[in-house]
Each structure stands twice: as C-alpha cells, then as structure tokens.
Amino acid sequence: MKNKEYGSDFYYPVAPQWSLDPSNDSFFASSEIALFFSGRSALYHLLVQGISKQMWKHLYLPSYYCHEVYRFVKELPIEIHYYHFNPAFDIELDRNSIPDCVDTVLVNTSFFGMKTADASFLKNTIIVEDLTHNLKACDTSNAHYCFGSLRKELPVGVGGFCYSPRALEIPMGGANSDADKLAELKIEAMSQKQAYLSGSSEDKTTYLEQFAKGESQFEAIYTQATMPEIAKRQLFSLDMDKLLVQKEKNLLQAMAALVHLDQIRVFGSADNRPTFGLVFQCRSTEVRNALRTHLIENKIYPAILWPDQTEERDRLLENTLLFIHTDFRYDAKDISEITKTIISYFTNA
C-alpha cells in the first residue's frame, strides 16, 4: 500500500488470498443463520419474535456495553435492565442480580473475543450471546441464541446475524430499499479507501465523509431489515477462517512484543485473552489520551470501546482502554511497526 495507515474501517476489495474457494460455501450462507442489516437489527428482530411468541418481558444487558444497541431496541415492549458486569473487574455473573425466569432474556457478551461468562446456573432464563467480537464462537456456543455484527471482524460494509445453537426458531427480516442504498454507500466508501491506500487516489476526505454519513444512519428505523444482497455477496466471498487465523497470528506477535511494558495492562487473563485485537489499559486517562494522540500522529488509529458509559467503574474502563486492530490487513512487519510505536512513546515519555 502506498498510503500506509493502521486501523479504522476496512477497505474492499481484499486481496485474492482472503477469498473463499468457490467450491466451498460460506459459514454464513447456511439456512440455519438469518442475516440482517446489522447486529443491533438482528437483536431487534429476535426480541420482536420472543415478545410475540414466547412472552418475553425482561431484557438484561451488561452495564459495560455498546449503548447504541440499547437505543435501537429501547422502544420495544420489553423492560430493559442493566446487570453489573465489566470485563476488567468481573469474572462471574452476580447470581442475585438476574432472575431465573422464562420471561427473562440475558445478553451475555464475548467482550473483545474473550469467553462469555458462565450462565449455566440460569435454568429458565433465555441466554442470548453477543458474539460480535468472536464470530468463531458460534461453533461452540450452547446458548439459546447468538447474534452479532459482522463488520467488526470481517470486511463487509453492513451485516449482522442471528443463529440458534439449539436449533430454535430464528427471526427473518424484510428487504428495504433505503437499507440497500446505505449498504451501497458503505461499500463505495470501502472501495474509495482501498483506492486511497493503494495510491490510485489521493482523496481521503470523500471516503471519510461517506463512512461518517453511513454510520450516522445505522440507528434509522429502515435498518430494521435483512442484509442487502450486495453485502451478502461481499460476505459469501470471504474465507473467514483464513482471515481470523491471520489476525490471531498478528495478535500473538503484538502481545509478545508488549509483555514487558509495565505502563500498560494487556487485557485478559493467561487463559482467556481477547481474540478481537490488541486491547490494553493505561494507568490513567491522561496517559491513554496522550498515547492515543501519539499513535494517531503516526497514522495508527486506535478505538475507544465504548463511549458513553454510565456507571462509574464502566467509565473508568472506557477512559483508560485502547483497542488496536491486528487483522488480516497487516503482516509481521506492520505489527512490529505498531508495537515499536507504542514502546517508543513510553521510552520517551
């Protein structure tokens, strides 16, 4: 790539090495998986089905969460509660905070690709796993339902899914022309980013504006829709296993390079590391912000997961955490550049 940078939105098309062999079917092409415009749309449709057919009355979300999801479903006729769970401080669910009732739904999240908390003590409550950061966990989940966004781990413009490991009925969405247009906008932005990175275009402003315009519309009512065909074609062309294997390889390299740094805490325990990417905490908000500025100055674009937390200890994590992509876009040389930039900040601070 001529205009090298790290992180932020995916580009498209990807190199042929990441394409699925035409003789194989995508995991997500299965009739057992319903595809939607987004992960929040998938949850919305699942809740609509559960409310109407199974009389769901209570939804429990973790306190540390992407609150855009809450805003998308809050108008549904189900009472929404938050249970205290923060992956920096908690290992187990509080058994006294979640009722074990057939009319209750628990969203159990794979934070940054780590294991979901053990919810086996709940015998009647419906368990719904958010696997946005851990798509491979669909293979091993025993929850009633799984859902998630596809565009956080895979280079697709839009997309979400719903799946039942227990072969329960899953909802279906309907097509929507406005949703189709938004998918086209996002994919065009991805294409323009690829052109910029490759050097065939020097116009960065336009694709950044298109990405921002697209993101601003994800909470629109019309996105309560199925996954547009143009995005399905993107998804079904990708070799997910190859993509995720490369990310894991890169992540292990990055973690090994940073293990000696005592100024940051690389996230997770020895037997439960994130698979989503490089996630770490700084000692303070001031250090986090200064490091983030240093990274951006070196064209490394970290993310904050997630803004707008409401509980004090969740805000503490929000204000000290950084996430850096280590996905298929990068090789060993790129990961070395990223880690050296982090190390250099603390060496010279």
Protein backbone atom coordinates (compact mmCIF):
# COMPACT_ATOMS: atom_id res chain seq x y z
CA MET A 1 0.00 0.00 0.00
CA LYS A 2 1.34 3.44 -0.95
CA ASN A 3 -0.55 5.43 1.70
CA LYS A 4 0.09 3.24 4.74
CA GLU A 5 -2.05 3.59 7.85
CA TYR A 6 -3.33 1.24 10.53
CA GLY A 7 -6.79 0.69 11.93
CA SER A 8 -10.17 2.30 11.36
CA ASP A 9 -12.63 1.00 8.75
CA PHE A 10 -11.92 -1.92 6.44
CA TYR A 11 -11.28 -1.42 2.74
CA TYR A 12 -12.67 -3.52 -0.13
CA PRO A 13 -11.97 -5.46 -2.27
CA VAL A 14 -9.45 -7.51 -0.34
CA ALA A 15 -6.56 -9.45 -1.85
CA PRO A 16 -7.46 -12.75 -3.59
CA GLN A 17 -5.72 -14.76 -0.85
CA TRP A 18 -8.60 -13.92 1.51
CA SER A 19 -11.29 -15.11 -0.91
CA LEU A 20 -13.23 -18.30 -0.28
CA ASP A 21 -12.66 -21.20 -2.65
CA PRO A 22 -15.69 -21.18 -5.00
CA SER A 23 -16.23 -24.88 -4.27
CA ASN A 24 -16.88 -24.10 -0.58
CA ASP A 25 -19.87 -22.40 0.99
CA SER A 26 -19.60 -19.57 3.47
CA PHE A 27 -20.44 -20.44 7.08
CA PHE A 28 -22.99 -17.64 6.97
CA ALA A 29 -24.72 -19.00 3.86
CA SER A 30 -26.34 -21.71 5.98
CA SER A 31 -30.13 -21.79 6.12
CA GLU A 32 -29.76 -22.06 9.90
CA ILE A 33 -28.45 -18.48 10.07
CA ALA A 34 -30.57 -15.38 9.49
CA LEU A 35 -28.75 -12.34 8.13
CA PHE A 36 -29.67 -8.76 8.93
CA PHE A 37 -28.53 -5.24 8.15
CA SER A 38 -26.62 -5.01 11.45
CA GLY A 39 -26.06 -6.78 14.73
CA ARG A 40 -28.49 -4.49 16.51
CA SER A 41 -31.10 -5.23 13.83
CA ALA A 42 -30.57 -8.96 14.44
CA LEU A 43 -31.21 -8.49 18.17
CA TYR A 44 -34.22 -6.29 17.43
CA HIS A 45 -35.86 -8.98 15.30
CA LEU A 46 -35.06 -11.69 17.86
CA LEU A 47 -36.70 -9.63 20.60
CA VAL A 48 -39.76 -8.94 18.47
CA GLN A 49 -40.15 -12.68 17.91
CA GLY A 50 -39.60 -13.53 21.58
CA ILE A 51 -42.01 -10.88 22.82
CA SER A 52 -44.79 -12.01 20.49
CA LYS A 53 -44.30 -15.79 20.60
CA GLN A 54 -42.65 -16.51 23.96
CA MET A 55 -43.97 -13.62 26.04
CA TRP A 56 -40.54 -12.22 26.91
CA LYS A 57 -40.94 -9.38 29.40
CA HIS A 58 -37.46 -8.54 30.73
CA LEU A 59 -34.16 -7.96 28.94
CA TYR A 60 -30.88 -7.86 30.90
CA LEU A 61 -27.89 -6.13 29.29
CA PRO A 62 -24.39 -5.85 30.78
CA SER A 63 -23.66 -2.43 32.27
CA TYR A 64 -20.46 -2.14 30.23
CA TYR A 65 -21.81 -2.35 26.70
CA CYS A 66 -22.26 -0.60 23.38
CA HIS A 67 -25.20 1.59 24.31
CA GLU A 68 -26.12 2.15 20.67
CA VAL A 69 -27.66 -1.32 20.91
CA TYR A 70 -29.82 -0.21 23.84
CA ARG A 71 -31.04 2.84 21.94
CA PHE A 72 -32.01 0.67 18.98
CA VAL A 73 -34.28 -1.66 20.98
CA LYS A 74 -35.48 0.57 23.83
CA GLU A 75 -38.89 1.29 22.25
CA LEU A 76 -39.85 -2.39 22.17
CA PRO A 77 -42.47 -3.55 24.71
CA ILE A 78 -39.93 -5.23 26.99
CA GLU A 79 -38.48 -3.89 30.24
CA ILE A 80 -34.73 -3.30 29.93
CA HIS A 81 -32.41 -3.75 32.90
CA TYR A 82 -28.65 -3.48 33.31
CA TYR A 83 -26.72 -6.04 35.34
CA HIS A 84 -23.28 -5.13 36.67
CA PHE A 85 -20.62 -6.73 34.52
CA ASN A 86 -17.35 -5.21 33.43
CA PRO A 87 -14.66 -7.41 31.85
CA ALA A 88 -11.89 -5.52 33.66
CA PHE A 89 -13.29 -6.32 37.10
CA ASP A 90 -15.70 -9.25 36.85
CA ILE A 91 -15.20 -12.91 36.08
CA GLU A 92 -18.56 -14.30 37.18
CA LEU A 93 -22.14 -13.13 36.85
CA ASP A 94 -23.85 -11.99 40.03
CA ARG A 95 -26.36 -14.77 40.63
CA ASN A 96 -28.58 -12.49 42.70
CA SER A 97 -28.95 -9.80 40.04
CA ILE A 98 -30.51 -11.84 37.21
CA PRO A 99 -33.89 -13.56 37.74
CA ASP A 100 -34.14 -17.16 36.56
CA CYS A 101 -37.50 -16.84 34.78
CA VAL A 102 -38.88 -18.00 31.44
CA ASP A 103 -39.93 -14.44 30.56
CA THR A 104 -36.38 -13.12 31.06
CA VAL A 105 -33.62 -12.71 28.45
CA LEU A 106 -29.93 -12.30 29.31
CA VAL A 107 -27.49 -10.86 26.77
CA ASN A 108 -24.13 -12.47 27.61
CA THR A 109 -21.30 -10.78 25.72
CA SER A 110 -17.97 -12.07 24.44
CA PHE A 111 -16.05 -8.92 25.31
CA PHE A 112 -13.19 -8.38 22.86
CA GLY A 113 -13.42 -12.06 21.91
CA MET A 114 -12.93 -13.42 25.43
CA LYS A 115 -15.06 -16.23 26.82
CA THR A 116 -18.61 -15.38 27.76
CA ALA A 117 -19.36 -15.55 31.47
CA ASP A 118 -20.74 -18.84 32.80
CA ALA A 119 -24.53 -18.54 32.82
CA SER A 120 -25.26 -22.26 33.32
CA PHE A 121 -26.84 -21.58 36.72
CA LEU A 122 -29.76 -19.99 34.89
CA LYS A 123 -32.08 -22.89 34.06
CA ASN A 124 -35.11 -20.95 32.80
CA THR A 125 -33.77 -17.60 31.58
CA ILE A 126 -33.17 -17.31 27.83
CA ILE A 127 -29.45 -16.89 27.12
CA VAL A 128 -28.51 -14.77 24.10
CA GLU A 129 -24.80 -14.43 23.35
CA ASP A 130 -23.42 -11.34 21.64
CA LEU A 131 -20.56 -12.74 19.52
CA THR A 132 -19.77 -9.55 17.59
CA HIS A 133 -16.12 -9.80 18.66
CA ASN A 134 -15.89 -13.57 18.41
CA LEU A 135 -17.61 -14.98 15.33
CA LYS A 136 -15.84 -18.35 15.60
CA ALA A 137 -17.59 -18.97 18.94
CA CYS A 138 -20.78 -19.76 17.03
CA ASP A 139 -19.25 -23.22 16.57
CA THR A 140 -19.01 -23.89 20.29
CA SER A 141 -21.84 -21.85 21.83
CA ASN A 142 -24.58 -23.60 23.78
CA ALA A 143 -26.75 -20.51 24.23
CA HIS A 144 -30.36 -20.42 23.14
CA TYR A 145 -29.44 -17.80 20.54
CA CYS A 146 -26.37 -15.96 19.24
CA PHE A 147 -26.28 -12.68 17.40
CA GLY A 148 -23.70 -10.14 16.37
CA SER A 149 -22.39 -7.62 13.91
CA LEU A 150 -20.32 -8.98 11.03
CA ARG A 151 -18.46 -5.81 10.06
CA LYS A 152 -16.29 -5.68 13.20
CA GLU A 153 -14.30 -8.80 12.27
CA LEU A 154 -14.94 -9.08 8.53
CA PRO A 155 -14.51 -6.59 5.65
CA VAL A 156 -18.20 -6.08 4.85
CA GLY A 157 -20.00 -2.77 4.63
CA VAL A 158 -23.01 -3.82 6.69
CA GLY A 159 -24.27 -7.02 8.21
CA GLY A 160 -25.46 -8.88 11.28
CA PHE A 161 -26.60 -12.40 12.05
CA CYS A 162 -28.84 -14.45 14.32
CA TYR A 163 -28.31 -18.15 14.99
CA SER A 164 -29.62 -20.73 17.45
CA PRO A 165 -27.12 -23.39 18.60
CA ARG A 166 -30.15 -25.25 19.98
CA ALA A 167 -31.96 -25.19 16.63
CA LEU A 168 -34.73 -22.92 17.92
CA GLU A 169 -36.80 -20.78 15.60
CA ILE A 170 -34.96 -17.69 14.44
CA PRO A 171 -36.49 -14.48 13.04
CA MET A 172 -36.28 -13.26 9.47
CA GLY A 173 -36.04 -9.70 8.19
CA GLY A 174 -37.52 -7.99 5.15
CA ALA A 175 -35.77 -6.16 2.32
CA ASN A 176 -35.71 -2.37 2.36
CA SER A 177 -34.62 -0.10 -0.48
CA ASP A 178 -33.25 2.57 1.89
CA ALA A 179 -31.17 -0.07 3.67
CA ASP A 180 -29.90 -1.26 0.29
CA LYS A 181 -28.80 2.30 -0.59
CA LEU A 182 -27.00 2.67 2.73
CA ALA A 183 -25.15 -0.60 2.12
CA GLU A 184 -24.09 0.68 -1.29
CA LEU A 185 -22.82 3.90 0.33
CA LYS A 186 -20.73 2.00 2.88
CA ILE A 187 -19.26 -0.37 0.30
CA GLU A 188 -18.42 2.53 -2.00
CA ALA A 189 -16.59 4.18 0.91
CA MET A 190 -14.64 0.95 1.43
CA SER A 191 -13.71 0.91 -2.25
CA GLN A 192 -12.58 4.54 -2.13
CA LYS A 193 -10.45 3.79 0.91
CA GLN A 194 -8.77 0.93 -0.96
CA ALA A 195 -8.07 3.30 -3.86
CA TYR A 196 -6.52 5.83 -1.45
CA LEU A 197 -4.34 3.27 0.31
CA SER A 198 -3.14 1.79 -2.97
CA GLY A 199 -2.20 5.25 -4.27
CA SER A 200 -4.61 5.33 -7.19
CA SER A 201 -6.46 8.18 -5.46
CA GLU A 202 -5.28 10.94 -3.12
CA ASP A 203 -8.81 11.80 -1.99
CA LYS A 204 -9.14 10.80 1.66
CA THR A 205 -11.78 13.35 2.61
CA THR A 206 -14.56 11.88 0.50
CA TYR A 207 -14.41 8.34 1.84
CA LEU A 208 -14.11 9.57 5.42
CA GLU A 209 -17.23 11.67 4.91
CA GLN A 210 -19.05 8.69 3.40
CA PHE A 211 -18.10 6.43 6.30
CA ALA A 212 -19.31 9.06 8.76
CA LYS A 213 -22.55 9.59 6.84
CA GLY A 214 -23.16 5.86 6.75
CA GLU A 215 -22.50 5.35 10.46
CA SER A 216 -24.87 8.20 11.35
CA GLN A 217 -27.74 6.31 9.71
CA PHE A 218 -27.29 2.96 11.44
CA GLU A 219 -29.89 3.82 14.07
CA ALA A 220 -32.52 4.70 11.44
CA ILE A 221 -35.74 2.66 11.55
CA TYR A 222 -35.25 1.46 7.99
CA THR A 223 -32.17 -0.51 9.04
CA GLN A 224 -34.52 -2.97 10.78
CA ALA A 225 -34.04 -5.05 7.65
CA THR A 226 -32.43 -8.12 6.17
CA MET A 227 -28.84 -7.96 4.94
CA PRO A 228 -28.80 -6.35 1.48
CA GLU A 229 -27.80 -8.61 -1.40
CA ILE A 230 -24.75 -6.50 -2.26
CA ALA A 231 -23.39 -7.06 1.27
CA LYS A 232 -24.21 -10.78 1.15
CA ARG A 233 -22.10 -11.12 -1.96
CA GLN A 234 -19.23 -9.50 -0.08
CA LEU A 235 -19.70 -11.78 2.91
CA PHE A 236 -20.04 -15.03 0.97
CA SER A 237 -16.82 -14.34 -0.95
CA LEU A 238 -14.65 -14.19 2.19
CA ASP A 239 -12.64 -17.02 3.72
CA MET A 240 -13.43 -16.29 7.36
CA ASP A 241 -11.10 -18.96 8.72
CA LYS A 242 -8.07 -17.56 6.88
CA LEU A 243 -8.93 -14.02 7.93
CA LEU A 244 -9.23 -14.91 11.61
CA VAL A 245 -6.13 -17.12 11.65
CA GLN A 246 -4.04 -14.21 10.35
CA LYS A 247 -5.49 -11.93 13.00
CA GLU A 248 -4.64 -14.41 15.75
CA LYS A 249 -1.06 -14.72 14.44
CA ASN A 250 -0.67 -10.95 14.41
CA LEU A 251 -2.19 -10.58 17.87
CA LEU A 252 0.18 -13.11 19.42
CA GLN A 253 3.13 -11.23 17.91
CA ALA A 254 1.88 -7.91 19.27
CA MET A 255 1.25 -9.27 22.76
CA ALA A 256 4.71 -10.87 22.91
CA ALA A 257 6.32 -7.57 21.93
CA LEU A 258 4.50 -5.62 24.65
CA VAL A 259 4.54 -8.11 27.52
CA HIS A 260 7.50 -6.33 29.19
CA LEU A 261 5.76 -2.94 29.34
CA ASP A 262 4.61 -2.28 32.89
CA GLN A 263 2.94 1.02 31.92
CA ILE A 264 0.01 -0.81 30.31
CA ARG A 265 -2.11 -3.82 31.17
CA VAL A 266 -2.71 -6.06 28.16
CA PHE A 267 -6.26 -7.25 28.56
CA GLY A 268 -7.43 -10.66 29.71
CA SER A 269 -6.02 -13.45 31.84
CA ALA A 270 -3.40 -16.00 30.89
CA ASP A 271 -6.05 -18.49 29.76
CA ASN A 272 -8.60 -16.01 28.44
CA ARG A 273 -7.08 -13.42 26.15
CA PRO A 274 -9.07 -11.30 23.68
CA THR A 275 -9.14 -12.58 20.11
CA PHE A 276 -10.67 -9.42 18.66
CA GLY A 277 -7.43 -7.46 18.60
CA LEU A 278 -4.92 -5.73 20.85
CA VAL A 279 -6.79 -4.43 23.91
CA PHE A 280 -4.98 -2.74 26.77
CA GLN A 281 -5.48 -0.36 29.65
CA CYS A 282 -3.32 2.59 30.56
CA ARG A 283 -2.69 3.76 34.12
CA SER A 284 -4.77 6.89 33.72
CA THR A 285 -6.99 8.77 31.31
CA GLU A 286 -4.22 11.32 30.77
CA VAL A 287 -1.74 8.63 29.74
CA ARG A 288 -4.33 6.98 27.49
CA ASN A 289 -5.15 10.24 25.74
CA ALA A 290 -1.51 11.17 25.25
CA LEU A 291 -0.67 7.73 23.86
CA ARG A 292 -3.70 7.88 21.58
CA THR A 293 -2.52 11.22 20.21
CA HIS A 294 0.97 9.80 19.66
CA LEU A 295 -0.45 6.82 17.77
CA ILE A 296 -2.66 8.97 15.56
CA GLU A 297 0.31 11.21 14.73
CA ASN A 298 1.97 8.01 13.46
CA LYS A 299 -1.09 7.01 11.41
CA ILE A 300 -2.20 4.32 13.84
CA TYR A 301 -5.89 4.79 14.63
CA PRO A 302 -6.97 3.14 17.90
CA ALA A 303 -10.58 2.83 19.03
CA ILE A 304 -12.26 3.54 22.36
CA LEU A 305 -14.65 0.77 23.43
CA TRP A 306 -17.21 2.03 24.21
CA PRO A 307 -18.08 5.72 24.60
CA ASP A 308 -20.93 6.99 26.78
CA GLN A 309 -20.74 4.53 29.68
CA THR A 310 -22.97 5.44 32.64
CA GLU A 311 -21.63 3.50 35.66
CA GLU A 312 -18.51 4.89 37.37
CA ARG A 313 -16.39 1.77 37.02
CA ASP A 314 -17.51 1.30 33.41
CA ARG A 315 -16.43 4.87 32.68
CA LEU A 316 -13.08 4.02 34.27
CA LEU A 317 -12.55 1.28 31.69
CA GLU A 318 -13.83 3.46 28.84
CA ASN A 319 -11.40 6.22 29.84
CA THR A 320 -8.28 4.06 30.15
CA LEU A 321 -8.71 1.47 27.39
CA LEU A 322 -7.41 1.44 23.82
CA PHE A 323 -8.12 -1.09 21.07
CA ILE A 324 -5.85 -1.54 18.04
CA HIS A 325 -6.69 -3.75 15.06
CA THR A 326 -4.31 -6.63 14.31
CA ASP A 327 -6.37 -8.13 11.49
CA PHE A 328 -5.56 -9.61 8.07
CA ARG A 329 -4.63 -6.24 6.62
CA TYR A 330 -1.29 -6.44 8.41
CA ASP A 331 1.77 -8.68 8.33
CA ALA A 332 4.64 -9.20 10.77
CA LYS A 333 6.40 -6.02 9.63
CA ASP A 334 3.25 -3.96 10.20
CA ILE A 335 2.69 -5.39 13.67
CA SER A 336 6.31 -4.63 14.53
CA GLU A 337 5.76 -1.02 13.43
CA ILE A 338 2.67 -0.72 15.65
CA THR A 339 4.32 -2.18 18.75
CA LYS A 340 7.53 -0.18 18.28
CA THR A 341 5.43 2.99 18.15
CA ILE A 342 3.75 2.10 21.46
CA ILE A 343 7.08 1.24 23.08
CA SER A 344 8.72 4.41 21.80
CA TYR A 345 6.04 6.55 23.45
CA PHE A 346 6.77 5.14 26.89
CA THR A 347 10.53 5.15 26.31
CA ASN A 348 10.45 8.87 25.58
CA ALA A 349 7.59 9.93 27.85
